[in-house]
């Protein structure tokens, strides 16, 4: 039973990470940062996006397979 809850833990944790990223405006190009800092922010946001997409697709496929 515990093993089946692990994906949902990641789902919630990544959701919070995405919201934190949005609060930090990682999803937007904000002026005032050096080119290196801007690239770091883009890469962090892209990683959050990819991980969130993967976990969401895993949970969706898991839910579809239960029926």
C-alpha atoms as a PDB file:
ATOM      1  CA  UNK A   1       0.000   0.000   0.000  1.00  0.00           C
ATOM      2  CA  UNK A   2       2.744   2.489   0.900  1.00  0.00           C
ATOM      3  CA  UNK A   3       4.463   1.857  -2.423  1.00  0.00           C
ATOM      4  CA  UNK A   4       1.333   2.944  -4.290  1.00  0.00           C
ATOM      5  CA  UNK A   5       1.328   6.291  -2.436  1.00  0.00           C
ATOM      6  CA  UNK A   6       4.831   7.308  -3.516  1.00  0.00           C
ATOM      7  CA  UNK A   7       3.804   8.754  -6.941  1.00  0.00           C
ATOM      8  CA  UNK A   8       1.136  10.871  -5.259  1.00  0.00           C
ATOM      9  CA  UNK A   9       3.723  12.234  -2.821  1.00  0.00           C
ATOM     10  CA  UNK A  10       5.860  13.324  -5.794  1.00  0.00           C
ATOM     11  CA  UNK A  11       2.789  14.769  -7.470  1.00  0.00           C
ATOM     12  CA  UNK A  12       2.077  16.989  -4.474  1.00  0.00           C
ATOM     13  CA  UNK A  13       5.732  17.908  -3.896  1.00  0.00           C
ATOM     14  CA  UNK A  14       6.261  18.850  -7.546  1.00  0.00           C
ATOM     15  CA  UNK A  15       3.055  20.849  -7.542  1.00  0.00           C
ATOM     16  CA  UNK A  16       4.398  22.854  -4.630  1.00  0.00           C
ATOM     17  CA  UNK A  17       7.777  23.252  -6.358  1.00  0.00           C
ATOM     18  CA  UNK A  18       6.062  24.563  -9.501  1.00  0.00           C
ATOM     19  CA  UNK A  19       4.040  27.053  -7.451  1.00  0.00           C
ATOM     20  CA  UNK A  20       7.223  28.186  -5.684  1.00  0.00           C
ATOM     21  CA  UNK A  21       8.914  28.602  -9.060  1.00  0.00           C
ATOM     22  CA  UNK A  22       6.024  30.711 -10.280  1.00  0.00           C
ATOM     23  CA  UNK A  23       6.206  32.825  -7.112  1.00  0.00           C
ATOM     24  CA  UNK A  24       9.890  33.431  -7.911  1.00  0.00           C
ATOM     25  CA  UNK A  25       8.939  34.288 -11.517  1.00  0.00           C
ATOM     26  CA  UNK A  26      11.065  31.466 -12.891  1.00  0.00           C
ATOM     27  CA  UNK A  27       8.456  30.976 -15.600  1.00  0.00           C
ATOM     28  CA  UNK A  28       9.092  34.501 -16.939  1.00  0.00           C
ATOM     29  CA  UNK A  29      12.110  36.339 -18.249  1.00  0.00           C
ATOM     30  CA  UNK A  30      12.735  39.042 -15.675  1.00  0.00           C
ATOM     31  CA  UNK A  31      15.191  41.844 -16.323  1.00  0.00           C
ATOM     32  CA  UNK A  32      17.913  42.696 -13.859  1.00  0.00           C
ATOM     33  CA  UNK A  33      19.728  39.361 -13.863  1.00  0.00           C
ATOM     34  CA  UNK A  34      23.039  38.534 -15.475  1.00  0.00           C
ATOM     35  CA  UNK A  35      22.946  36.270 -18.536  1.00  0.00           C
ATOM     36  CA  UNK A  36      24.277  33.397 -16.423  1.00  0.00           C
ATOM     37  CA  UNK A  37      21.604  33.872 -13.760  1.00  0.00           C
ATOM     38  CA  UNK A  38      18.907  34.127 -16.442  1.00  0.00           C
ATOM     39  CA  UNK A  39      20.073  30.834 -17.967  1.00  0.00           C
ATOM     40  CA  UNK A  40      20.084  29.145 -14.545  1.00  0.00           C
ATOM     41  CA  UNK A  41      16.529  30.327 -13.924  1.00  0.00           C
ATOM     42  CA  UNK A  42      15.404  29.025 -17.331  1.00  0.00           C
ATOM     43  CA  UNK A  43      17.014  25.651 -16.742  1.00  0.00           C
ATOM     44  CA  UNK A  44      15.485  25.286 -13.271  1.00  0.00           C
ATOM     45  CA  UNK A  45      12.049  26.153 -14.642  1.00  0.00           C
ATOM     46  CA  UNK A  46      12.465  23.762 -17.567  1.00  0.00           C
ATOM     47  CA  UNK A  47      13.457  20.940 -15.197  1.00  0.00           C
ATOM     48  CA  UNK A  48      10.425  21.603 -12.996  1.00  0.00           C
ATOM     49  CA  UNK A  49       8.209  21.610 -16.078  1.00  0.00           C
ATOM     50  CA  UNK A  50       9.618  18.312 -17.405  1.00  0.00           C
ATOM     51  CA  UNK A  51       9.401  16.560 -14.039  1.00  0.00           C
ATOM     52  CA  UNK A  52       5.847  17.783 -13.473  1.00  0.00           C
ATOM     53  CA  UNK A  53       4.808  16.613 -16.941  1.00  0.00           C
ATOM     54  CA  UNK A  54       6.367  13.186 -16.375  1.00  0.00           C
ATOM     55  CA  UNK A  55       4.750  12.657 -12.978  1.00  0.00           C
ATOM     56  CA  UNK A  56       1.367  13.827 -14.265  1.00  0.00           C
ATOM     57  CA  UNK A  57       1.532  11.455 -17.219  1.00  0.00           C
ATOM     58  CA  UNK A  58       2.555   8.590 -14.909  1.00  0.00           C
ATOM     59  CA  UNK A  59      -0.351   9.207 -12.554  1.00  0.00           C
ATOM     60  CA  UNK A  60      -2.788   9.592 -15.458  1.00  0.00           C
ATOM     61  CA  UNK A  61      -1.642   6.333 -17.051  1.00  0.00           C
ATOM     62  CA  UNK A  62      -1.832   4.614 -13.669  1.00  0.00           C
ATOM     63  CA  UNK A  63      -5.393   5.862 -13.173  1.00  0.00           C
ATOM     64  CA  UNK A  64      -6.411   4.755 -16.654  1.00  0.00           C
ATOM     65  CA  UNK A  65      -4.950   1.287 -16.097  1.00  0.00           C
ATOM     66  CA  UNK A  66      -6.979   0.789 -12.899  1.00  0.00           C
ATOM     67  CA  UNK A  67     -10.264   0.803 -14.840  1.00  0.00           C
END
